[in-house]
Amino acid sequence: MSLITPDFGLLVWMTLIFGIVFFILAKFGFPAITGMVNERAAHIRQSLEDAKKAKEELEGLQETCRKMLDDTRKEQAAMLEQSKKASQQMVEDAKARAASEASQLIALARNQIEVEKREALNDVRNVVVDLAIAVSEKVLREKLQKDENQTAFVDKILAEVEQSRKNCQI
């Protein structure tokens, strides 16, 4: 039964040893443990503050990122609009050039047609003149087969030539 009910001496020695251990722990152990706990608490507080700052910075960066994305989208839309306008302008310019070239081609074609028309008319006139000369030649040969008709015709032409000279000198 000595284990269940300790003796008075054992109680004194246990109390004395407990006091010494408590004194040593109070003097050296508890301040170290308390300091470590306080350091750990300070480290945790600092980590929480750093995390809070990092979160705020991250939110700021996210907001900056959103603004940059919005600006980029706006710039992209502006560039697309500018590209559309440039392409429309290019199409309009191409249409204008095509219309101008078409007008020039039409004008050249009209000029060519006019030139060919004049040439055709000249050819027709020449053919008509040649035919008239041939017909006149045949008619004159018929009429002028006799000598008296030839002399009358020559006299008439000479009179007309003299008359035209007189008219020119006056």
Protein backbone atom coordinates (compact mmCIF):
# COMPACT_ATOMS: atom_id res chain seq x y z
CA MET A 1 0.00 0.00 0.00
CA SER A 2 2.83 2.25 0.05
CA LEU A 3 2.17 3.18 -3.52
CA ILE A 4 -1.38 4.30 -2.97
CA THR A 5 -0.70 6.25 0.22
CA PRO A 6 2.77 7.82 0.13
CA ASP A 7 4.76 8.53 3.26
CA PHE A 8 5.32 11.96 4.62
CA GLY A 9 9.00 11.98 3.63
CA LEU A 10 8.16 11.00 0.10
CA LEU A 11 5.65 13.84 -0.10
CA VAL A 12 8.23 16.34 1.13
CA TRP A 13 10.85 15.15 -1.29
CA MET A 14 8.35 15.14 -4.17
CA THR A 15 7.22 18.65 -3.27
CA LEU A 16 10.81 19.85 -3.01
CA ILE A 17 11.78 18.30 -6.37
CA PHE A 18 8.61 19.68 -7.94
CA GLY A 19 9.46 23.15 -6.60
CA ILE A 20 13.03 22.95 -7.94
CA VAL A 21 11.82 21.71 -11.34
CA PHE A 22 9.11 24.38 -11.35
CA PHE A 23 11.67 27.06 -10.40
CA ILE A 24 14.06 25.92 -13.17
CA LEU A 25 11.22 25.78 -15.66
CA ALA A 26 9.89 29.16 -14.49
CA LYS A 27 13.36 30.68 -14.69
CA PHE A 28 14.57 29.12 -17.96
CA GLY A 29 11.89 27.01 -19.67
CA PHE A 30 8.70 29.07 -19.49
CA PRO A 31 10.29 32.31 -20.76
CA ALA A 32 11.80 30.40 -23.69
CA ILE A 33 8.49 28.68 -24.41
CA THR A 34 6.56 31.93 -23.97
CA GLY A 35 9.06 33.76 -26.18
CA MET A 36 8.75 31.07 -28.82
CA VAL A 37 4.95 31.24 -28.61
CA ASN A 38 5.08 35.05 -28.80
CA GLU A 39 7.51 34.87 -31.74
CA ARG A 40 5.26 32.35 -33.44
CA ALA A 41 2.20 34.57 -32.77
CA ALA A 42 4.11 37.61 -34.11
CA HIS A 43 5.21 35.60 -37.14
CA ILE A 44 1.62 34.47 -37.72
CA ARG A 45 0.36 38.06 -37.34
CA GLN A 46 3.07 39.27 -39.74
CA SER A 47 2.22 36.48 -42.19
CA LEU A 48 -1.46 37.41 -41.98
CA GLU A 49 -0.63 41.08 -42.58
CA ASP A 50 1.64 40.11 -45.48
CA ALA A 51 -1.10 37.87 -46.87
CA LYS A 52 -3.59 40.71 -46.53
CA LYS A 53 -1.22 43.09 -48.31
CA ALA A 54 -0.55 40.50 -50.99
CA LYS A 55 -4.29 39.99 -51.41
CA GLU A 56 -4.81 43.76 -51.72
CA GLU A 57 -1.95 43.97 -54.21
CA LEU A 58 -3.40 41.02 -56.11
CA GLU A 59 -6.81 42.71 -56.22
CA GLY A 60 -5.11 45.89 -57.42
CA LEU A 61 -3.23 43.91 -60.05
CA GLN A 62 -6.42 42.17 -61.09
CA GLU A 63 -8.14 45.55 -61.43
CA THR A 64 -5.17 46.83 -63.41
CA CYS A 65 -5.32 43.70 -65.53
CA ARG A 66 -9.05 44.22 -66.14
CA LYS A 67 -8.40 47.84 -67.12
CA MET A 68 -5.61 46.77 -69.44
CA LEU A 69 -7.86 44.13 -71.01
CA ASP A 70 -10.63 46.71 -71.45
CA ASP A 71 -8.16 49.16 -72.99
CA THR A 72 -6.83 46.41 -75.24
CA ARG A 73 -10.34 45.49 -76.33
CA LYS A 74 -11.10 49.14 -77.03
CA GLU A 75 -7.88 49.49 -79.02
CA GLN A 76 -8.68 46.27 -80.86
CA ALA A 77 -12.16 47.56 -81.69
CA ALA A 78 -10.67 50.88 -82.83
CA MET A 79 -8.10 49.04 -84.96
CA LEU A 80 -10.81 46.87 -86.49
CA GLU A 81 -12.91 49.95 -87.23
CA GLN A 82 -9.89 51.69 -88.72
CA SER A 83 -9.13 48.59 -90.79
CA LYS A 84 -12.73 48.50 -92.01
CA LYS A 85 -12.55 52.17 -92.96
CA ALA A 86 -9.22 51.64 -94.69
CA SER A 87 -10.55 48.64 -96.60
CA GLN A 88 -13.69 50.56 -97.57
CA GLN A 89 -11.52 53.46 -98.70
CA MET A 90 -9.36 51.08 -100.71
CA VAL A 91 -12.46 49.56 -102.30
CA GLU A 92 -13.83 53.02 -103.11
CA ASP A 93 -10.47 54.06 -104.54
CA ALA A 94 -10.33 50.89 -106.61
CA LYS A 95 -13.88 51.51 -107.85
CA ALA A 96 -12.98 55.10 -108.71
CA ARG A 97 -9.85 53.96 -110.55
CA ALA A 98 -11.83 51.29 -112.36
CA ALA A 99 -14.50 53.82 -113.33
CA SER A 100 -11.81 56.23 -114.50
CA GLU A 101 -10.06 53.53 -116.49
CA ALA A 102 -13.40 52.40 -117.91
CA SER A 103 -14.16 56.00 -118.94
CA GLN A 104 -10.74 56.28 -120.55
CA LEU A 105 -11.23 52.98 -122.35
CA ILE A 106 -14.67 54.06 -123.53
CA ALA A 107 -13.25 57.39 -124.72
CA LEU A 108 -10.43 55.59 -126.52
CA ALA A 109 -12.93 53.18 -128.05
CA ARG A 110 -15.12 56.08 -129.19
CA ASN A 111 -12.09 57.84 -130.66
CA GLN A 112 -11.07 54.62 -132.39
CA ILE A 113 -14.61 54.16 -133.71
CA GLU A 114 -14.64 57.77 -134.93
CA VAL A 115 -11.28 57.30 -136.66
CA GLU A 116 -12.42 54.06 -138.26
CA LYS A 117 -15.71 55.72 -139.26
CA ARG A 118 -13.80 58.56 -140.96
CA GLU A 119 -11.53 56.07 -142.67
CA ALA A 120 -14.54 54.08 -143.83
CA LEU A 121 -16.23 57.25 -145.09
CA ASN A 122 -13.02 58.26 -146.88
CA ASP A 123 -12.82 54.78 -148.40
CA VAL A 124 -16.47 55.04 -149.49
CA ARG A 125 -15.82 58.52 -150.93
CA ASN A 126 -12.78 57.28 -152.77
CA VAL A 127 -14.74 54.35 -154.16
CA VAL A 128 -17.59 56.69 -155.15
CA VAL A 129 -15.10 59.10 -156.74
CA ASP A 130 -13.44 56.23 -158.59
CA LEU A 131 -16.84 55.00 -159.75
CA ALA A 132 -17.88 58.52 -160.76
CA ILE A 133 -14.65 58.99 -162.68
CA ALA A 134 -15.09 55.62 -164.37
CA VAL A 135 -18.72 56.39 -165.25
CA SER A 136 -17.78 59.91 -166.38
CA GLU A 137 -14.97 58.52 -168.45
CA LYS A 138 -17.31 56.10 -170.15
CA VAL A 139 -19.95 58.77 -170.70
CA LEU A 140 -17.37 61.23 -172.08
CA ARG A 141 -15.93 58.60 -174.38
CA GLU A 142 -19.43 57.96 -175.66
CA LYS A 143 -20.10 61.68 -176.13
CA LEU A 144 -16.69 62.67 -177.39
CA GLN A 145 -16.25 60.03 -180.01
CA LYS A 146 -16.84 62.68 -182.64
CA ASP A 147 -14.21 65.41 -183.18
CA GLU A 148 -16.65 68.31 -183.14
CA ASN A 149 -17.98 67.26 -179.73
CA GLN A 150 -14.39 67.12 -178.40
CA THR A 151 -13.54 70.65 -179.59
CA ALA A 152 -16.78 72.08 -178.18
CA PHE A 153 -16.07 70.41 -174.85
CA VAL A 154 -12.45 71.68 -174.75
CA ASP A 155 -13.62 75.22 -175.65
CA LYS A 156 -16.19 75.13 -172.88
CA ILE A 157 -13.57 74.00 -170.29
CA LEU A 158 -11.11 76.69 -171.43
CA ALA A 159 -13.81 79.34 -171.10
CA GLU A 160 -14.57 78.20 -167.59
CA VAL A 161 -10.87 78.25 -166.66
CA GLU A 162 -10.47 81.78 -168.04
CA GLN A 163 -13.57 82.90 -166.19
CA SER A 164 -12.24 81.50 -162.89
CA ARG A 165 -8.89 83.27 -163.45
CA LYS A 166 -10.63 86.58 -164.00
CA ASN A 167 -12.65 86.07 -160.85
CA CYS A 168 -9.49 85.29 -158.88
CA GLN A 169 -7.63 88.40 -160.15
CA ILE A 170 -10.38 90.80 -159.22
